[in-house]
Structures are given as structure tokens and as C-alpha cells.
Amino acid sequence: MMDKNRKMKIRRFFLGKNGIIGKIVLYGLLMTIGFVYLFPLIKMFTTSIMDLSDLVNPVVEWIPTKLYLENYRTGLIVLKYGQTLLFSLAVTLVPALLQTAVTSLTGYALAKFRVRGRRIVFGLILLTYLLPQQVYMIPKFVLFDQLGILKTAWSIIFPATFGQGLSSAIFILIFYQFFRIQPLALDESAEIDGANPYQIFLRIGVPLAAPAYLSSFLFSFVWYWNETYISSLFLGTDLYTLQLKLFNFQSQFNLATGISQTVTNEAIRYAATILIILPVLVVYAVMQKWFVEGIDKTGVTGE
């Protein structure tokens, strides 16, 4: 009996739910996935702080012989970082905020109000996500030209104002799901207390859907920030976001530095890329705390 119990303990120690073999497999898998995601960033950063002698030295691969920050100064010059960053935020932050607000109203209306044809409208909205954006780019281009907003920031902001921003249908679906699962007892209690639909939405719907707002804003911000196709089409050649500057990096590098070379210094390219990623990382760092707090505050008990 003693040997049997000992064997069971040994088996649980190695193969149990919290056994050592399970932990080794789990941590090994997490480390592998983390390495796959972090490897490009680490490689990019280490290369960005190398000078030309380290870049051409086959012995130096990960750790540079000295800290070289001139690449970042050149990247700031090439990108015209201050001016371009402000414009990039204007065509990223503003549309993201507007799109989040408008899609939340649409999702709330579809989830809470029982009107005829509601499902048809909802289906048509989702259908817009399935259509390739190239299909309606030409009509949209002509419309913006007639409105006089082509080659301005309004060509990016205007669609988001009316719920036609990047992947708006996905955000409408997210809000629809959040508002649909909210307890009807809360709305009915508010109606008994004399609240109108707008007050119910602002005082009950919005606080309970805080995770949806934060998630939608983050996704919208990142998608607008990384967008190059629509920006290059509507903004023309006079207005540049940071991504378009990076896209035209080699020509911009030659103009800014006066150096014409066949192979552009990869360290400067990587430094410029990190400078572009930095604002997104700051937004994530700030919003992550609010996202966790929003989840903690939206629990509804007794349902």
C-alpha cells in the first residue's frame, strides 16, 4: 500500500495537473512563442544602435562594440519626425475616436431597439466588411474630389465620422455583442426611474461596455496608424504620415543626407522603424491598465 501511494505521488509530481513535466512543456512553449515575437524587435533594436563598421563586421551580430545613437538622429531628420508625427496623430487618433463613438451608437441601436428590418441592416453592414476595399475606392475617390476634401486630412476623418472608417463593421459587431448580453433588468429599472434612452445609453450602456470601447479604440488606432494604401491614395504626394515616409525611406534618406548609395544603411531604417513603433507602444502601455480596470468594473452579479 505504501509503495502504491508513493508511486501515485511520483506520478502526480511528474504527470499531474501541476506536474513538473507539464510545467516544462508549458513554459517551454511560452518561451518559444515569446522568442518568435521578440526576435525581430531585438534584432531591429541591436542593429539600430550599430555604426557602419559594426554592420560590415561579420563578427558583430548581436552586441555592438559601442553605443551609436547617430542613426536615430538621422532617422528623425529623414522622417521630419515632429511635424510628421503630429499629422499622423491627426489622421489616426481623431478617426479612431470618432469611429469608436459612432460604431458604439450603431451597435447599441441594433442590439436594444427592435425595429423592422433590423437584421437586414445588420447583415448589410457586415457585408461591407466582406467586400474588398478596392471595389469602392474609385467611387469614394470621386466623391471626395467633388466634396473638395481630397488630399486633406478630412479624407481620412470624414468617413470615420459616419461609421465608414477602417473595418467599422467589425467594431459594430463587437459593440452589438456587448450590448446584447447586458441584462435587460438594468434598462428596465432605469426606465422606471424615468431615464430616457440617451440617459440609459450613457449611464448604463457605456460603463458596462468599457472593455469594448477600449478594445475597439486600440484596434482602430493601430489599424489607422499602420494604414498606407488609403493614405497614399487620398492624401496625395504633399501629405505624408510616418508610414509613408518610411515607405519612401531610401529616396527621403538621400534627399535629407545628400548621400546617394545603392544599399541604404539598414541601421537607420531600423532606427526610423522603432521611432514609428514608439507612439503605438506608448498608447498600449497607457491603455492596458485602463483595459484591465474596465474589465474589473463591469462584472454584474445576480444574473
C-alpha atoms as a PDB file:
ATOM      1  CA  MET A   1       0.000   0.000   0.000  1.00  0.00           C
ATOM      2  CA  MET A   2       2.857   2.318   0.870  1.00  0.00           C
ATOM      3  CA  ASP A   3       4.574   1.667  -2.469  1.00  0.00           C
ATOM      4  CA  LYS A   4       1.338   2.305  -4.345  1.00  0.00           C
ATOM      5  CA  ASN A   5       0.802   5.671  -2.644  1.00  0.00           C
ATOM      6  CA  ARG A   6       4.399   6.599  -3.315  1.00  0.00           C
ATOM      7  CA  LYS A   7       4.011   5.730  -6.985  1.00  0.00           C
ATOM      8  CA  MET A   8       0.858   7.838  -7.193  1.00  0.00           C
ATOM      9  CA  LYS A   9       2.650  10.812  -5.650  1.00  0.00           C
ATOM     10  CA  ILE A  10       5.579  10.429  -8.010  1.00  0.00           C
ATOM     11  CA  ARG A  11       3.214  10.162 -10.969  1.00  0.00           C
ATOM     12  CA  ARG A  12       1.290  13.273  -9.926  1.00  0.00           C
ATOM     13  CA  PHE A  13       4.597  15.093  -9.373  1.00  0.00           C
ATOM     14  CA  PHE A  14       5.688  14.441 -12.939  1.00  0.00           C
ATOM     15  CA  LEU A  15       2.438  13.977 -14.888  1.00  0.00           C
ATOM     16  CA  GLY A  16      -0.237  15.603 -12.727  1.00  0.00           C
ATOM     17  CA  LYS A  17      -2.129  18.802 -13.448  1.00  0.00           C
ATOM     18  CA  ASN A  18       0.649  20.849 -11.885  1.00  0.00           C
ATOM     19  CA  GLY A  19       3.357  18.263 -12.557  1.00  0.00           C
ATOM     20  CA  ILE A  20       6.888  19.195 -13.431  1.00  0.00           C
ATOM     21  CA  ILE A  21       6.680  17.796 -16.964  1.00  0.00           C
ATOM     22  CA  GLY A  22       3.542  19.819 -17.678  1.00  0.00           C
ATOM     23  CA  LYS A  23       5.238  22.971 -16.386  1.00  0.00           C
ATOM     24  CA  ILE A  24       8.317  22.330 -18.502  1.00  0.00           C
ATOM     25  CA  VAL A  25       6.175  21.882 -21.627  1.00  0.00           C
ATOM     26  CA  LEU A  26       4.072  24.957 -20.816  1.00  0.00           C
ATOM     27  CA  TYR A  27       6.987  27.262 -20.052  1.00  0.00           C
ATOM     28  CA  GLY A  28       8.930  25.902 -22.996  1.00  0.00           C
ATOM     29  CA  LEU A  29       6.005  26.641 -25.313  1.00  0.00           C
ATOM     30  CA  LEU A  30       5.563  30.156 -23.888  1.00  0.00           C
ATOM     31  CA  MET A  31       9.278  30.894 -24.223  1.00  0.00           C
ATOM     32  CA  THR A  32       9.261  29.669 -27.818  1.00  0.00           C
ATOM     33  CA  ILE A  33       6.261  31.804 -28.758  1.00  0.00           C
ATOM     34  CA  GLY A  34       7.728  34.800 -26.923  1.00  0.00           C
ATOM     35  CA  PHE A  35      11.039  34.363 -28.733  1.00  0.00           C
ATOM     36  CA  VAL A  36       9.314  34.254 -32.120  1.00  0.00           C
ATOM     37  CA  TYR A  37       7.585  37.573 -31.369  1.00  0.00           C
ATOM     38  CA  LEU A  38      10.523  39.288 -29.675  1.00  0.00           C
ATOM     39  CA  PHE A  39      13.298  38.162 -32.013  1.00  0.00           C
ATOM     40  CA  PRO A  40      12.552  40.701 -34.793  1.00  0.00           C
ATOM     41  CA  LEU A  41      12.267  43.550 -32.264  1.00  0.00           C
ATOM     42  CA  ILE A  42      15.507  42.627 -30.520  1.00  0.00           C
ATOM     43  CA  LYS A  43      17.309  42.259 -33.832  1.00  0.00           C
ATOM     44  CA  MET A  44      15.919  45.569 -35.026  1.00  0.00           C
ATOM     45  CA  PHE A  45      16.994  47.409 -31.872  1.00  0.00           C
ATOM     46  CA  THR A  46      20.505  45.977 -31.711  1.00  0.00           C
ATOM     47  CA  THR A  47      21.062  46.795 -35.376  1.00  0.00           C
ATOM     48  CA  SER A  48      19.757  50.342 -34.920  1.00  0.00           C
ATOM     49  CA  ILE A  49      22.494  51.170 -32.389  1.00  0.00           C
ATOM     50  CA  MET A  50      25.367  49.917 -34.585  1.00  0.00           C
ATOM     51  CA  ASP A  51      27.652  52.111 -36.640  1.00  0.00           C
ATOM     52  CA  LEU A  52      28.734  51.257 -40.167  1.00  0.00           C
ATOM     53  CA  SER A  53      31.889  49.451 -39.020  1.00  0.00           C
ATOM     54  CA  ASP A  54      29.813  47.075 -36.874  1.00  0.00           C
ATOM     55  CA  LEU A  55      27.329  46.497 -39.686  1.00  0.00           C
ATOM     56  CA  VAL A  56      30.006  45.342 -42.121  1.00  0.00           C
ATOM     57  CA  ASN A  57      31.878  43.343 -39.482  1.00  0.00           C
ATOM     58  CA  PRO A  58      30.794  39.673 -39.751  1.00  0.00           C
ATOM     59  CA  VAL A  59      31.912  39.027 -36.177  1.00  0.00           C
ATOM     60  CA  VAL A  60      29.491  41.597 -34.718  1.00  0.00           C
ATOM     61  CA  GLU A  61      25.944  40.268 -34.910  1.00  0.00           C
ATOM     62  CA  TRP A  62      24.006  40.958 -31.703  1.00  0.00           C
ATOM     63  CA  ILE A  63      26.083  43.135 -29.382  1.00  0.00           C
ATOM     64  CA  PRO A  64      27.640  46.259 -30.947  1.00  0.00           C
ATOM     65  CA  THR A  65      31.141  47.315 -29.997  1.00  0.00           C
ATOM     66  CA  LYS A  66      29.809  50.717 -28.915  1.00  0.00           C
ATOM     67  CA  LEU A  67      26.519  52.518 -28.454  1.00  0.00           C
ATOM     68  CA  TYR A  68      25.842  54.553 -31.581  1.00  0.00           C
ATOM     69  CA  LEU A  69      22.768  56.816 -31.499  1.00  0.00           C
ATOM     70  CA  GLU A  70      23.505  58.804 -34.629  1.00  0.00           C
ATOM     71  CA  ASN A  71      21.138  56.507 -36.532  1.00  0.00           C
ATOM     72  CA  TYR A  72      18.202  57.826 -34.506  1.00  0.00           C
ATOM     73  CA  ARG A  73      19.211  61.435 -35.147  1.00  0.00           C
ATOM     74  CA  THR A  74      19.355  60.722 -38.880  1.00  0.00           C
ATOM     75  CA  GLY A  75      16.009  58.918 -38.648  1.00  0.00           C
ATOM     76  CA  LEU A  76      14.441  61.968 -37.005  1.00  0.00           C
ATOM     77  CA  ILE A  77      15.724  64.140 -39.835  1.00  0.00           C
ATOM     78  CA  VAL A  78      14.625  61.778 -42.593  1.00  0.00           C
ATOM     79  CA  LEU A  79      11.125  61.355 -41.161  1.00  0.00           C
ATOM     80  CA  LYS A  80      10.774  65.041 -40.195  1.00  0.00           C
ATOM     81  CA  TYR A  81       9.560  63.382 -37.052  1.00  0.00           C
ATOM     82  CA  GLY A  82       7.925  66.216 -35.119  1.00  0.00           C
ATOM     83  CA  GLN A  83       5.865  67.595 -37.999  1.00  0.00           C
ATOM     84  CA  THR A  84       5.001  64.201 -39.469  1.00  0.00           C
ATOM     85  CA  LEU A  85       4.098  62.756 -36.066  1.00  0.00           C
ATOM     86  CA  LEU A  86       1.519  65.497 -35.442  1.00  0.00           C
ATOM     87  CA  PHE A  87      -0.086  64.900 -38.816  1.00  0.00           C
ATOM     88  CA  SER A  88      -0.035  61.125 -38.300  1.00  0.00           C
ATOM     89  CA  LEU A  89      -1.812  61.553 -34.967  1.00  0.00           C
ATOM     90  CA  ALA A  90      -4.377  63.818 -36.618  1.00  0.00           C
ATOM     91  CA  VAL A  91      -5.299  61.153 -39.184  1.00  0.00           C
ATOM     92  CA  THR A  92      -5.058  58.323 -36.645  1.00  0.00           C
ATOM     93  CA  LEU A  93      -6.241  59.447 -33.214  1.00  0.00           C
ATOM     94  CA  VAL A  94      -9.172  61.563 -34.401  1.00  0.00           C
ATOM     95  CA  PRO A  95     -10.658  58.919 -36.755  1.00  0.00           C
ATOM     96  CA  ALA A  96     -10.137  56.218 -34.111  1.00  0.00           C
ATOM     97  CA  LEU A  97     -12.072  58.214 -31.511  1.00  0.00           C
ATOM     98  CA  LEU A  98     -14.850  59.137 -33.945  1.00  0.00           C
ATOM     99  CA  GLN A  99     -15.154  55.601 -35.274  1.00  0.00           C
ATOM    100  CA  THR A 100     -15.349  54.142 -31.775  1.00  0.00           C
ATOM    101  CA  ALA A 101     -18.100  56.569 -30.785  1.00  0.00           C
ATOM    102  CA  VAL A 102     -20.187  56.144 -33.948  1.00  0.00           C
ATOM    103  CA  THR A 103     -19.919  52.349 -34.105  1.00  0.00           C
ATOM    104  CA  SER A 104     -20.912  52.105 -30.440  1.00  0.00           C
ATOM    105  CA  LEU A 105     -24.100  54.055 -31.169  1.00  0.00           C
ATOM    106  CA  THR A 106     -24.844  51.828 -34.136  1.00  0.00           C
ATOM    107  CA  GLY A 107     -24.172  48.639 -32.180  1.00  0.00           C
ATOM    108  CA  TYR A 108     -26.359  49.851 -29.307  1.00  0.00           C
ATOM    109  CA  ALA A 109     -29.246  50.685 -31.635  1.00  0.00           C
ATOM    110  CA  LEU A 110     -29.086  47.292 -33.331  1.00  0.00           C
ATOM    111  CA  ALA A 111     -28.902  45.444 -30.009  1.00  0.00           C
ATOM    112  CA  LYS A 112     -31.512  47.309 -27.998  1.00  0.00           C
ATOM    113  CA  PHE A 113     -34.165  48.593 -30.388  1.00  0.00           C
ATOM    114  CA  ARG A 114     -36.490  46.115 -32.054  1.00  0.00           C
ATOM    115  CA  VAL A 115     -37.353  47.747 -35.372  1.00  0.00           C
ATOM    116  CA  ARG A 116     -38.461  46.189 -38.630  1.00  0.00           C
ATOM    117  CA  GLY A 117     -35.587  45.352 -40.979  1.00  0.00           C
ATOM    118  CA  ARG A 118     -33.018  45.463 -38.202  1.00  0.00           C
ATOM    119  CA  ARG A 119     -31.431  42.156 -39.182  1.00  0.00           C
ATOM    120  CA  ILE A 120     -31.294  43.137 -42.844  1.00  0.00           C
ATOM    121  CA  VAL A 121     -29.450  46.340 -41.959  1.00  0.00           C
ATOM    122  CA  PHE A 122     -27.106  44.407 -39.716  1.00  0.00           C
ATOM    123  CA  GLY A 123     -26.400  41.924 -42.497  1.00  0.00           C
ATOM    124  CA  LEU A 124     -25.685  44.703 -44.988  1.00  0.00           C
ATOM    125  CA  ILE A 125     -23.274  46.301 -42.543  1.00  0.00           C
ATOM    126  CA  LEU A 126     -21.374  43.033 -42.151  1.00  0.00           C
ATOM    127  CA  LEU A 127     -21.402  42.599 -45.924  1.00  0.00           C
ATOM    128  CA  THR A 128     -19.375  45.797 -46.290  1.00  0.00           C
ATOM    129  CA  TYR A 129     -16.571  44.100 -44.387  1.00  0.00           C
ATOM    130  CA  LEU A 130     -16.520  41.151 -46.782  1.00  0.00           C
ATOM    131  CA  LEU A 131     -16.153  43.354 -49.856  1.00  0.00           C
ATOM    132  CA  PRO A 132     -12.552  44.220 -50.781  1.00  0.00           C
ATOM    133  CA  GLN A 133     -11.903  47.893 -50.199  1.00  0.00           C
ATOM    134  CA  GLN A 134     -10.503  48.217 -53.731  1.00  0.00           C
ATOM    135  CA  VAL A 135     -14.057  47.736 -55.037  1.00  0.00           C
ATOM    136  CA  TYR A 136     -15.336  51.052 -53.681  1.00  0.00           C
ATOM    137  CA  MET A 137     -12.121  53.098 -53.649  1.00  0.00           C
ATOM    138  CA  ILE A 138     -12.745  54.708 -57.040  1.00  0.00           C
ATOM    139  CA  PRO A 139     -16.308  55.916 -56.207  1.00  0.00           C
ATOM    140  CA  LYS A 140     -15.047  57.157 -52.852  1.00  0.00           C
ATOM    141  CA  PHE A 141     -12.139  58.937 -54.548  1.00  0.00           C
ATOM    142  CA  VAL A 142     -14.529  60.686 -56.951  1.00  0.00           C
ATOM    143  CA  LEU A 143     -16.893  61.628 -54.107  1.00  0.00           C
ATOM    144  CA  PHE A 144     -14.105  63.141 -52.006  1.00  0.00           C
ATOM    145  CA  ASP A 145     -12.859  65.069 -55.032  1.00  0.00           C
ATOM    146  CA  GLN A 146     -16.322  66.530 -55.571  1.00  0.00           C
ATOM    147  CA  LEU A 147     -16.590  67.432 -51.878  1.00  0.00           C
ATOM    148  CA  GLY A 148     -13.215  69.152 -52.019  1.00  0.00           C
ATOM    149  CA  ILE A 149     -11.652  67.118 -49.213  1.00  0.00           C
ATOM    150  CA  LEU A 150      -9.271  65.086 -51.344  1.00  0.00           C
ATOM    151  CA  LYS A 151      -5.582  65.478 -50.429  1.00  0.00           C
ATOM    152  CA  THR A 152      -6.530  66.725 -46.976  1.00  0.00           C
ATOM    153  CA  ALA A 153      -6.784  65.097 -43.556  1.00  0.00           C
ATOM    154  CA  TRP A 154     -10.585  65.271 -43.898  1.00  0.00           C
ATOM    155  CA  SER A 155     -10.473  62.478 -46.487  1.00  0.00           C
ATOM    156  CA  ILE A 156      -9.463  60.160 -43.619  1.00  0.00           C
ATOM    157  CA  ILE A 157     -11.536  61.763 -40.855  1.00  0.00           C
ATOM    158  CA  PHE A 158     -14.781  62.234 -42.821  1.00  0.00           C
ATOM    159  CA  PRO A 159     -15.600  58.506 -43.382  1.00  0.00           C
ATOM    160  CA  ALA A 160     -14.948  57.681 -39.715  1.00  0.00           C
ATOM    161  CA  THR A 161     -17.414  60.392 -38.694  1.00  0.00           C
ATOM    162  CA  PHE A 162     -20.220  58.481 -40.411  1.00  0.00           C
ATOM    163  CA  GLY A 163     -19.166  54.985 -39.412  1.00  0.00           C
ATOM    164  CA  GLN A 164     -17.338  54.205 -42.652  1.00  0.00           C
ATOM    165  CA  GLY A 165     -13.815  54.022 -41.291  1.00  0.00           C
ATOM    166  CA  LEU A 166     -11.404  51.119 -41.401  1.00  0.00           C
ATOM    167  CA  SER A 167     -13.240  47.857 -40.605  1.00  0.00           C
ATOM    168  CA  SER A 168     -16.133  49.692 -38.949  1.00  0.00           C
ATOM    169  CA  ALA A 169     -18.360  46.638 -39.392  1.00  0.00           C
ATOM    170  CA  ILE A 170     -16.151  44.642 -37.016  1.00  0.00           C
ATOM    171  CA  PHE A 171     -16.481  47.279 -34.301  1.00  0.00           C
ATOM    172  CA  ILE A 172     -20.246  47.432 -34.783  1.00  0.00           C
ATOM    173  CA  LEU A 173     -20.341  43.659 -34.295  1.00  0.00           C
ATOM    174  CA  ILE A 174     -18.213  43.936 -31.122  1.00  0.00           C
ATOM    175  CA  PHE A 175     -20.499  46.570 -29.608  1.00  0.00           C
ATOM    176  CA  TYR A 176     -23.597  44.693 -30.727  1.00  0.00           C
ATOM    177  CA  GLN A 177     -22.440  41.596 -28.839  1.00  0.00           C
ATOM    178  CA  PHE A 178     -21.549  43.572 -25.707  1.00  0.00           C
ATOM    179  CA  PHE A 179     -24.823  45.499 -25.573  1.00  0.00           C
ATOM    180  CA  ARG A 180     -26.896  42.433 -26.449  1.00  0.00           C
ATOM    181  CA  ILE A 181     -25.657  40.435 -23.435  1.00  0.00           C
ATOM    182  CA  GLN A 182     -26.189  43.271 -20.966  1.00  0.00           C
ATOM    183  CA  PRO A 183     -29.020  42.474 -18.519  1.00  0.00           C
ATOM    184  CA  LEU A 184     -32.361  43.943 -19.594  1.00  0.00           C
ATOM    185  CA  ALA A 185     -33.241  44.370 -15.911  1.00  0.00           C
ATOM    186  CA  LEU A 186     -30.859  47.312 -15.708  1.00  0.00           C
ATOM    187  CA  ASP A 187     -32.539  49.093 -18.626  1.00  0.00           C
ATOM    188  CA  GLU A 188     -35.994  48.408 -17.219  1.00  0.00           C
ATOM    189  CA  SER A 189     -35.003  49.720 -13.807  1.00  0.00           C
ATOM    190  CA  ALA A 190     -33.662  52.890 -15.380  1.00  0.00           C
ATOM    191  CA  GLU A 191     -36.880  53.346 -17.373  1.00  0.00           C
ATOM    192  CA  ILE A 192     -38.932  53.007 -14.181  1.00  0.00           C
ATOM    193  CA  ASP A 193     -36.781  55.735 -12.651  1.00  0.00           C
ATOM    194  CA  GLY A 194     -37.619  57.998 -15.585  1.00  0.00           C
ATOM    195  CA  ALA A 195     -34.460  57.707 -17.667  1.00  0.00           C
ATOM    196  CA  ASN A 196     -34.776  58.216 -21.420  1.00  0.00           C
ATOM    197  CA  PRO A 197     -32.914  56.057 -23.997  1.00  0.00           C
ATOM    198  CA  TYR A 198     -29.998  58.525 -24.204  1.00  0.00           C
ATOM    199  CA  GLN A 199     -29.520  58.509 -20.434  1.00  0.00           C
ATOM    200  CA  ILE A 200     -29.702  54.712 -20.341  1.00  0.00           C
ATOM    201  CA  PHE A 201     -27.051  54.513 -23.034  1.00  0.00           C
ATOM    202  CA  LEU A 202     -24.682  56.972 -21.358  1.00  0.00           C
ATOM    203  CA  ARG A 203     -25.142  55.877 -17.744  1.00  0.00           C
ATOM    204  CA  ILE A 204     -25.610  52.124 -18.147  1.00  0.00           C
ATOM    205  CA  GLY A 205     -24.575  51.001 -21.610  1.00  0.00           C
ATOM    206  CA  VAL A 206     -21.299  52.891 -21.908  1.00  0.00           C
ATOM    207  CA  PRO A 207     -19.838  51.989 -18.469  1.00  0.00           C
ATOM    208  CA  LEU A 208     -20.702  48.310 -18.884  1.00  0.00           C
ATOM    209  CA  ALA A 209     -19.165  48.242 -22.370  1.00  0.00           C
ATOM    210  CA  ALA A 210     -15.876  49.839 -21.276  1.00  0.00           C
ATOM    211  CA  PRO A 211     -13.784  46.829 -22.434  1.00  0.00           C
ATOM    212  CA  ALA A 212     -15.438  47.025 -25.870  1.00  0.00           C
ATOM    213  CA  TYR A 213     -14.661  50.739 -26.119  1.00  0.00           C
ATOM    214  CA  LEU A 214     -11.038  50.246 -25.131  1.00  0.00           C
ATOM    215  CA  SER A 215     -10.525  47.256 -27.423  1.00  0.00           C
ATOM    216  CA  SER A 216     -12.195  48.974 -30.368  1.00  0.00           C
ATOM    217  CA  PHE A 217     -10.181  52.130 -29.865  1.00  0.00           C
ATOM    218  CA  LEU A 218      -6.897  50.232 -29.651  1.00  0.00           C
ATOM    219  CA  PHE A 219      -7.587  48.192 -32.773  1.00  0.00           C
ATOM    220  CA  SER A 220      -8.828  51.229 -34.656  1.00  0.00           C
ATOM    221  CA  PHE A 221      -5.810  53.295 -33.620  1.00  0.00           C
ATOM    222  CA  VAL A 222      -3.339  50.622 -34.677  1.00  0.00           C
ATOM    223  CA  TRP A 223      -5.091  49.966 -37.991  1.00  0.00           C
ATOM    224  CA  TYR A 224      -5.182  53.655 -38.875  1.00  0.00           C
ATOM    225  CA  TRP A 225      -1.584  54.045 -37.736  1.00  0.00           C
ATOM    226  CA  ASN A 226      -0.348  51.217 -39.976  1.00  0.00           C
ATOM    227  CA  GLU A 227      -2.531  52.120 -42.962  1.00  0.00           C
ATOM    228  CA  THR A 228      -0.640  53.075 -46.132  1.00  0.00           C
ATOM    229  CA  TYR A 229      -2.933  52.152 -49.030  1.00  0.00           C
ATOM    230  CA  ILE A 230      -5.777  54.549 -48.241  1.00  0.00           C
ATOM    231  CA  SER A 231      -3.401  57.261 -47.025  1.00  0.00           C
ATOM    232  CA  SER A 232      -1.325  57.182 -50.200  1.00  0.00           C
ATOM    233  CA  LEU A 233      -4.486  57.250 -52.330  1.00  0.00           C
ATOM    234  CA  PHE A 234      -6.375  60.073 -50.597  1.00  0.00           C
ATOM    235  CA  LEU A 235      -3.562  62.232 -49.204  1.00  0.00           C
ATOM    236  CA  GLY A 236      -1.643  62.502 -52.453  1.00  0.00           C
ATOM    237  CA  THR A 237       2.046  63.378 -52.645  1.00  0.00           C
ATOM    238  CA  ASP A 238       2.040  66.507 -50.484  1.00  0.00           C
ATOM    239  CA  LEU A 239       0.932  64.997 -47.178  1.00  0.00           C
ATOM    240  CA  TYR A 240       2.832  62.175 -45.521  1.00  0.00           C
ATOM    241  CA  THR A 241       2.258  60.006 -42.498  1.00  0.00           C
ATOM    242  CA  LEU A 242       5.187  58.366 -40.740  1.00  0.00           C
ATOM    243  CA  GLN A 243       4.449  55.091 -42.506  1.00  0.00           C
ATOM    244  CA  LEU A 244       4.510  56.748 -45.937  1.00  0.00           C
ATOM    245  CA  LYS A 245       7.774  58.438 -45.008  1.00  0.00           C
ATOM    246  CA  LEU A 246       9.228  55.070 -44.092  1.00  0.00           C
ATOM    247  CA  PHE A 247       7.837  53.557 -47.298  1.00  0.00           C
ATOM    248  CA  ASN A 248       9.779  56.139 -49.285  1.00  0.00           C
ATOM    249  CA  PHE A 249      12.749  55.823 -46.959  1.00  0.00           C
ATOM    250  CA  GLN A 250      15.564  55.454 -49.477  1.00  0.00           C
ATOM    251  CA  SER A 251      14.664  58.499 -51.566  1.00  0.00           C
ATOM    252  CA  GLN A 252      13.919  60.547 -48.440  1.00  0.00           C
ATOM    253  CA  PHE A 253      17.251  59.424 -46.934  1.00  0.00           C
ATOM    254  CA  ASN A 254      19.163  60.528 -49.999  1.00  0.00           C
ATOM    255  CA  LEU A 255      17.459  63.929 -50.023  1.00  0.00           C
ATOM    256  CA  ALA A 256      17.917  64.543 -46.288  1.00  0.00           C
ATOM    257  CA  THR A 257      21.546  63.463 -46.046  1.00  0.00           C
ATOM    258  CA  GLY A 258      22.801  64.248 -49.547  1.00  0.00           C
ATOM    259  CA  ILE A 259      24.228  60.725 -49.771  1.00  0.00           C
ATOM    260  CA  SER A 260      23.363  58.571 -52.742  1.00  0.00           C
ATOM    261  CA  GLN A 261      24.096  54.894 -52.211  1.00  0.00           C
ATOM    262  CA  THR A 262      22.779  51.679 -53.686  1.00  0.00           C
ATOM    263  CA  VAL A 263      22.217  49.949 -50.363  1.00  0.00           C
ATOM    264  CA  THR A 264      20.690  52.194 -47.708  1.00  0.00           C
ATOM    265  CA  ASN A 265      22.069  51.859 -44.198  1.00  0.00           C
ATOM    266  CA  GLU A 266      19.822  49.270 -42.572  1.00  0.00           C
ATOM    267  CA  ALA A 267      20.609  50.620 -39.115  1.00  0.00           C
ATOM    268  CA  ILE A 268      18.996  53.957 -39.984  1.00  0.00           C
ATOM    269  CA  ARG A 269      15.987  52.173 -41.454  1.00  0.00           C
ATOM    270  CA  TYR A 270      15.565  50.152 -38.279  1.00  0.00           C
ATOM    271  CA  ALA A 271      16.001  53.254 -36.110  1.00  0.00           C
ATOM    272  CA  ALA A 272      13.280  55.012 -38.117  1.00  0.00           C
ATOM    273  CA  THR A 273      11.021  51.970 -37.734  1.00  0.00           C
ATOM    274  CA  ILE A 274      11.472  51.984 -33.953  1.00  0.00           C
ATOM    275  CA  LEU A 275      10.643  55.695 -33.873  1.00  0.00           C
ATOM    276  CA  ILE A 276       7.397  54.915 -35.709  1.00  0.00           C
ATOM    277  CA  ILE A 277       6.532  51.999 -33.408  1.00  0.00           C
ATOM    278  CA  LEU A 278       7.212  54.036 -30.257  1.00  0.00           C
ATOM    279  CA  PRO A 279       3.907  56.020 -30.169  1.00  0.00           C
ATOM    280  CA  VAL A 280       1.900  52.787 -30.535  1.00  0.00           C
ATOM    281  CA  LEU A 281       3.819  51.203 -27.671  1.00  0.00           C
ATOM    282  CA  VAL A 282       3.084  54.244 -25.501  1.00  0.00           C
ATOM    283  CA  VAL A 283      -0.642  54.016 -26.285  1.00  0.00           C
ATOM    284  CA  TYR A 284      -0.641  50.299 -25.458  1.00  0.00           C
ATOM    285  CA  ALA A 285       1.212  50.879 -22.190  1.00  0.00           C
ATOM    286  CA  VAL A 286      -1.318  53.510 -21.095  1.00  0.00           C
ATOM    287  CA  MET A 287      -4.473  51.782 -22.294  1.00  0.00           C
ATOM    288  CA  GLN A 288      -3.558  48.360 -20.942  1.00  0.00           C
ATOM    289  CA  LYS A 289      -4.060  49.497 -17.345  1.00  0.00           C
ATOM    290  CA  TRP A 290      -7.431  51.045 -18.175  1.00  0.00           C
ATOM    291  CA  PHE A 291      -8.452  47.909 -20.049  1.00  0.00           C
ATOM    292  CA  VAL A 292      -7.848  45.701 -17.003  1.00  0.00           C
ATOM    293  CA  GLU A 293      -9.665  48.166 -14.743  1.00  0.00           C
ATOM    294  CA  GLY A 294     -12.566  48.274 -17.182  1.00  0.00           C
ATOM    295  CA  ILE A 295     -12.955  44.509 -17.019  1.00  0.00           C
ATOM    296  CA  ASP A 296     -12.885  44.585 -13.199  1.00  0.00           C
ATOM    297  CA  LYS A 297     -15.625  47.220 -13.076  1.00  0.00           C
ATOM    298  CA  THR A 298     -18.065  45.630 -15.499  1.00  0.00           C
ATOM    299  CA  GLY A 299     -18.969  42.497 -13.561  1.00  0.00           C
ATOM    300  CA  VAL A 300     -22.703  42.066 -12.986  1.00  0.00           C
ATOM    301  CA  THR A 301     -23.681  39.682 -10.216  1.00  0.00           C
ATOM    302  CA  GLY A 302     -27.026  38.090  -9.510  1.00  0.00           C
ATOM    303  CA  GLU A 303     -27.848  37.390 -13.162  1.00  0.00           C
END
